[in-house]
Amino acid sequence: MAGTAAKKRKRNSQIQSKPPERLTVPDGDRTKRSIEDDVRSALLYLKAHSTKATRDGMARYAIPSDKAYGVAMRDIKALGETLGRNLGIAGALWDTGVYEARMLVSFVADPSQISSSQMDRWCKDFDSWAICDTMCFNLFDRSPHAWAKVAQWSKSSNEFEKRTAFALLWSLTVHDKQASNDAFKQGLVLIERAADDPRNFVKKAVNMALRAIGKRNRALNTAAVAVARRLAESKDATARWVGQDALRELSNPALINRLKA
């Protein structure tokens, strides 16, 4: 019995250590495959790569798991690379309501084709920081509508829509290499305006966006530090936390010396 159990543990370990399997795509014109077939295959792949431990662990990070399978991000990304960019498949994946299928959308939707209204529809469905940030860093920040959405969603009363504005602003500091300092300075105006929102997922995104802008270059560091100092002196506790926390990082001489003029 002990030997059998040991062999079983070894076999399971070998299975788990294998790289994610890729979808089998038949020869011929791939466009002949229906969207339904692609989505069905994708869901089967996700279920096959799910684990109870991954699903149970989501709660530790405040991620709802009631519509989740429990799939590691590396496997979701691998599936996205197999499917490629296809807005039709992305829309159908989103409509399943499955958490991992929606995460997959960030790798499958084409940012050059996604419409402003589609971004709004998906954003309204966000129910966790994880789906919000993943969509921002892998998809939304590459859309031509990105900057307009930062301004629009920053005014939202919905917690995750408002978070999306600042997660998107944060991601733009990383991926939009052509954006001007003026664009990010306008982002600082939005940050200062939203810094007193006490909701956890909003204030953390506001803080991260402030810190990210301040790390883009020296000119923006100076502008971000000025905002952080004003917030640090605020009478509002949330705004004060946002400012003080950002100031600790942005005023660090080692950081400033690394930044380009």
Protein backbone atom coordinates (compact mmCIF):
# COMPACT_ATOMS: atom_id res chain seq x y z
CA MET A 1 0.00 0.00 0.00
CA ALA A 2 2.79 2.41 0.93
CA GLY A 3 4.59 1.67 -2.35
CA THR A 4 1.39 2.24 -4.35
CA ALA A 5 0.75 5.56 -2.63
CA ALA A 6 4.33 6.69 -3.30
CA LYS A 7 4.02 5.82 -6.99
CA LYS A 8 0.75 7.75 -7.19
CA ARG A 9 2.32 10.83 -5.57
CA LYS A 10 5.25 10.64 -8.00
CA ARG A 11 2.90 10.31 -10.99
CA ASN A 12 0.81 13.31 -9.86
CA SER A 13 3.97 15.35 -9.34
CA GLN A 14 5.13 14.55 -12.88
CA ILE A 15 1.76 15.54 -14.32
CA GLN A 16 1.71 18.84 -12.45
CA SER A 17 5.26 19.68 -13.53
CA LYS A 18 4.49 19.32 -17.24
CA PRO A 19 4.15 22.57 -19.21
CA PRO A 20 0.60 23.61 -20.10
CA GLU A 21 -0.78 21.66 -23.04
CA ARG A 22 -1.63 23.73 -26.09
CA LEU A 23 -4.95 23.46 -27.86
CA THR A 24 -4.92 21.15 -30.88
CA VAL A 25 -5.83 23.20 -33.93
CA PRO A 26 -6.82 21.17 -37.01
CA ASP A 27 -4.99 21.72 -40.29
CA GLY A 28 -6.63 23.96 -42.82
CA ASP A 29 -8.33 27.29 -42.58
CA ARG A 30 -8.69 28.07 -38.87
CA THR A 31 -11.48 30.55 -39.52
CA LYS A 32 -13.76 27.59 -40.32
CA ARG A 33 -13.79 26.71 -36.67
CA SER A 34 -16.73 28.29 -34.96
CA ILE A 35 -16.37 30.63 -32.03
CA GLU A 36 -18.42 28.15 -30.01
CA ASP A 37 -15.88 25.43 -30.67
CA ASP A 38 -13.02 27.69 -29.62
CA VAL A 39 -14.76 28.68 -26.42
CA ARG A 40 -15.72 25.08 -25.63
CA SER A 41 -12.11 23.97 -26.15
CA ALA A 42 -10.83 26.85 -24.05
CA LEU A 43 -13.10 25.96 -21.15
CA LEU A 44 -12.04 22.32 -21.33
CA TYR A 45 -8.40 23.40 -21.25
CA LEU A 46 -9.02 25.64 -18.24
CA LYS A 47 -10.84 22.90 -16.35
CA ALA A 48 -8.04 20.45 -17.13
CA HIS A 49 -5.47 22.87 -15.71
CA SER A 50 -7.42 23.78 -12.59
CA THR A 51 -6.55 22.79 -9.05
CA LYS A 52 -8.49 23.01 -5.82
CA ALA A 53 -5.46 24.56 -4.10
CA THR A 54 -5.37 27.43 -6.60
CA ARG A 55 -9.09 28.01 -6.26
CA ASP A 56 -9.02 27.89 -2.47
CA GLY A 57 -6.08 30.28 -2.43
CA MET A 58 -7.99 33.02 -4.21
CA ALA A 59 -9.75 34.03 -1.00
CA ARG A 60 -6.43 35.05 0.55
CA TYR A 61 -6.13 37.73 -2.13
CA ALA A 62 -9.74 38.95 -1.90
CA ILE A 63 -10.65 37.42 -5.28
CA PRO A 64 -14.17 35.93 -5.57
CA SER A 65 -13.98 32.23 -6.46
CA ASP A 66 -17.64 31.30 -6.89
CA LYS A 67 -17.28 31.41 -10.70
CA ALA A 68 -13.66 30.27 -10.86
CA TYR A 69 -12.02 26.96 -11.74
CA GLY A 70 -8.67 27.63 -10.05
CA VAL A 71 -6.16 28.04 -12.89
CA ALA A 72 -2.66 29.51 -12.64
CA MET A 73 -1.96 32.66 -14.64
CA ARG A 74 0.85 30.97 -16.59
CA ASP A 75 -1.66 28.48 -17.99
CA ILE A 76 -4.16 31.20 -18.86
CA LYS A 77 -1.44 33.13 -20.69
CA ALA A 78 -0.30 30.02 -22.56
CA LEU A 79 -3.86 29.45 -23.77
CA GLY A 80 -4.09 33.08 -24.85
CA GLU A 81 -0.96 32.68 -26.98
CA THR A 82 -2.52 29.66 -28.65
CA LEU A 83 -5.82 31.36 -29.43
CA GLY A 84 -4.28 34.61 -30.65
CA ARG A 85 -6.06 37.95 -30.90
CA ASN A 86 -9.72 37.57 -31.87
CA LEU A 87 -12.39 39.96 -30.65
CA GLY A 88 -15.24 37.57 -31.43
CA ILE A 89 -13.77 34.81 -29.30
CA ALA A 90 -12.96 37.34 -26.58
CA GLY A 91 -16.58 38.49 -26.38
CA ALA A 92 -17.85 34.92 -26.16
CA LEU A 93 -15.31 34.04 -23.48
CA TRP A 94 -16.41 37.03 -21.43
CA ASP A 95 -20.06 36.03 -21.70
CA THR A 96 -19.36 32.67 -20.01
CA GLY A 97 -18.91 34.53 -16.72
CA VAL A 98 -16.07 32.18 -15.76
CA TYR A 99 -13.30 34.05 -13.94
CA GLU A 100 -10.41 32.48 -15.86
CA ALA A 101 -12.22 32.88 -19.19
CA ARG A 102 -12.52 36.59 -18.46
CA MET A 103 -8.86 36.80 -17.49
CA LEU A 104 -8.12 35.10 -20.81
CA VAL A 105 -9.92 37.91 -22.63
CA SER A 106 -7.06 40.26 -21.74
CA PHE A 107 -4.77 38.13 -23.95
CA VAL A 108 -7.31 37.44 -26.72
CA ALA A 109 -9.15 40.70 -27.41
CA ASP A 110 -7.49 42.96 -30.00
CA PRO A 111 -6.79 46.37 -28.40
CA SER A 112 -6.83 48.06 -31.81
CA GLN A 113 -10.35 46.79 -32.51
CA ILE A 114 -12.03 47.03 -29.13
CA SER A 115 -14.62 49.81 -29.03
CA SER A 116 -15.18 52.39 -26.33
CA SER A 117 -18.62 50.92 -25.59
CA GLN A 118 -17.18 47.39 -25.32
CA MET A 119 -14.65 48.63 -22.77
CA ASP A 120 -17.49 50.17 -20.79
CA ARG A 121 -19.53 46.96 -20.84
CA TRP A 122 -16.65 44.85 -19.62
CA CYS A 123 -15.62 47.38 -17.01
CA LYS A 124 -19.11 47.34 -15.51
CA ASP A 125 -18.70 43.60 -14.90
CA PHE A 126 -15.44 43.91 -12.93
CA ASP A 127 -15.84 42.41 -9.46
CA SER A 128 -12.25 42.15 -8.22
CA TRP A 129 -8.96 43.99 -8.34
CA ALA A 130 -7.46 41.02 -10.18
CA ILE A 131 -9.67 41.15 -13.27
CA CYS A 132 -9.49 44.95 -13.23
CA ASP A 133 -5.71 45.14 -13.17
CA THR A 134 -5.20 42.26 -15.61
CA MET A 135 -7.47 43.86 -18.20
CA CYS A 136 -5.72 47.20 -17.75
CA PHE A 137 -2.14 45.91 -18.02
CA ASN A 138 -2.71 43.43 -20.85
CA LEU A 139 -5.42 45.08 -22.95
CA PHE A 140 -6.97 48.43 -22.06
CA ASP A 141 -3.72 50.38 -21.89
CA ARG A 142 -3.00 49.45 -25.52
CA SER A 143 -6.36 50.76 -26.74
CA PRO A 144 -6.63 54.15 -28.49
CA HIS A 145 -9.44 54.89 -26.00
CA ALA A 146 -7.24 54.39 -22.93
CA TRP A 147 -6.65 58.01 -21.91
CA ALA A 148 -10.29 58.97 -22.42
CA LYS A 149 -11.33 56.07 -20.19
CA VAL A 150 -9.02 57.19 -17.40
CA ALA A 151 -10.85 60.52 -17.26
CA GLN A 152 -14.30 58.95 -17.68
CA TRP A 153 -14.00 56.16 -15.12
CA SER A 154 -12.30 58.38 -12.53
CA LYS A 155 -15.72 60.01 -12.05
CA SER A 156 -17.56 56.71 -11.51
CA SER A 157 -19.31 55.94 -8.23
CA ASN A 158 -18.75 52.19 -8.75
CA GLU A 159 -15.74 50.99 -6.77
CA PHE A 160 -14.19 48.78 -9.43
CA GLU A 161 -14.92 51.14 -12.32
CA LYS A 162 -13.18 53.91 -10.40
CA ARG A 163 -10.31 51.60 -9.54
CA THR A 164 -9.99 50.79 -13.24
CA ALA A 165 -9.34 54.47 -14.02
CA PHE A 166 -6.30 54.54 -11.76
CA ALA A 167 -5.09 51.02 -12.53
CA LEU A 168 -5.20 52.05 -16.18
CA LEU A 169 -3.31 55.27 -15.45
CA TRP A 170 -0.75 53.19 -13.55
CA SER A 171 -0.34 50.78 -16.47
CA LEU A 172 0.01 53.65 -18.96
CA THR A 173 3.09 54.85 -17.07
CA VAL A 174 4.67 51.50 -17.95
CA HIS A 175 3.44 50.85 -21.49
CA ASP A 176 2.69 54.20 -23.15
CA LYS A 177 6.22 55.26 -24.03
CA GLN A 178 5.00 58.10 -26.28
CA ALA A 179 2.71 59.86 -23.77
CA SER A 180 3.73 63.39 -22.82
CA ASN A 181 4.44 64.65 -19.33
CA ASP A 182 1.36 66.86 -19.69
CA ALA A 183 -0.86 63.80 -20.05
CA PHE A 184 0.44 62.38 -16.77
CA LYS A 185 0.23 65.76 -15.06
CA GLN A 186 -3.47 65.75 -15.93
CA GLY A 187 -3.55 62.29 -14.36
CA LEU A 188 -2.13 63.84 -11.19
CA VAL A 189 -5.10 66.20 -11.13
CA LEU A 190 -7.44 63.19 -11.21
CA ILE A 191 -5.40 61.49 -8.48
CA GLU A 192 -5.60 64.48 -6.17
CA ARG A 193 -9.33 64.73 -6.79
CA ALA A 194 -9.92 61.04 -5.92
CA ALA A 195 -7.44 60.69 -3.05
CA ASP A 196 -10.10 61.04 -0.36
CA ASP A 197 -12.10 58.00 -1.55
CA PRO A 198 -11.81 55.60 1.42
CA ARG A 199 -12.80 52.44 -0.43
CA ASN A 200 -9.96 49.97 -0.26
CA PHE A 201 -9.64 49.07 -3.92
CA VAL A 202 -9.90 52.69 -5.02
CA LYS A 203 -7.41 54.24 -2.61
CA LYS A 204 -4.79 51.56 -3.32
CA ALA A 205 -5.03 52.14 -7.07
CA VAL A 206 -4.87 55.92 -6.57
CA ASN A 207 -1.75 55.45 -4.47
CA MET A 208 -0.12 53.13 -7.01
CA ALA A 209 -0.88 55.51 -9.89
CA LEU A 210 0.68 58.42 -7.98
CA ARG A 211 3.81 56.42 -7.23
CA ALA A 212 4.06 55.13 -10.81
CA ILE A 213 3.83 58.61 -12.33
CA GLY A 214 6.50 59.81 -9.94
CA LYS A 215 8.86 57.09 -11.15
CA ARG A 216 8.53 57.85 -14.88
CA ASN A 217 11.10 60.67 -15.03
CA ARG A 218 12.50 63.48 -12.90
CA ALA A 219 10.05 66.13 -14.09
CA LEU A 220 7.10 63.94 -13.21
CA ASN A 221 8.75 62.96 -9.95
CA THR A 222 8.86 66.63 -8.97
CA ALA A 223 5.18 67.05 -9.91
CA ALA A 224 4.11 63.85 -8.12
CA VAL A 225 6.05 64.73 -4.97
CA ALA A 226 4.29 68.12 -4.87
CA VAL A 227 0.91 66.34 -5.02
CA ALA A 228 1.99 63.80 -2.42
CA ARG A 229 3.10 66.56 -0.03
CA ARG A 230 -0.25 68.33 -0.33
CA LEU A 231 -2.10 65.09 0.29
CA ALA A 232 0.15 64.20 3.24
CA GLU A 233 -0.96 67.41 4.92
CA SER A 234 -4.65 66.83 4.23
CA LYS A 235 -7.23 66.78 7.01
CA ASP A 236 -8.77 63.73 5.34
CA ALA A 237 -7.30 60.46 6.67
CA THR A 238 -7.46 58.60 3.35
CA ALA A 239 -5.85 61.40 1.36
CA ARG A 240 -3.21 61.71 4.06
CA TRP A 241 -2.37 58.00 3.81
CA VAL A 242 -2.15 58.16 0.00
CA GLY A 243 0.22 61.12 0.19
CA GLN A 244 2.42 59.89 3.02
CA ASP A 245 2.82 56.41 1.57
CA ALA A 246 3.74 57.75 -1.87
CA LEU A 247 6.08 60.34 -0.43
CA ARG A 248 8.19 57.70 1.30
CA GLU A 249 9.07 56.16 -2.05
CA LEU A 250 9.10 59.20 -4.33
CA SER A 251 11.35 61.34 -2.14
CA ASN A 252 14.01 58.63 -1.87
CA PRO A 253 17.31 60.09 -3.18
CA ALA A 254 18.33 56.75 -4.69
CA LEU A 255 15.16 56.70 -6.79
CA ILE A 256 15.57 60.30 -7.93
CA ASN A 257 19.18 59.69 -8.99
CA ARG A 258 18.07 56.77 -11.16
CA LEU A 259 15.44 58.77 -13.03
CA LYS A 260 16.11 60.36 -16.39
CA ALA A 261 15.92 64.13 -16.56
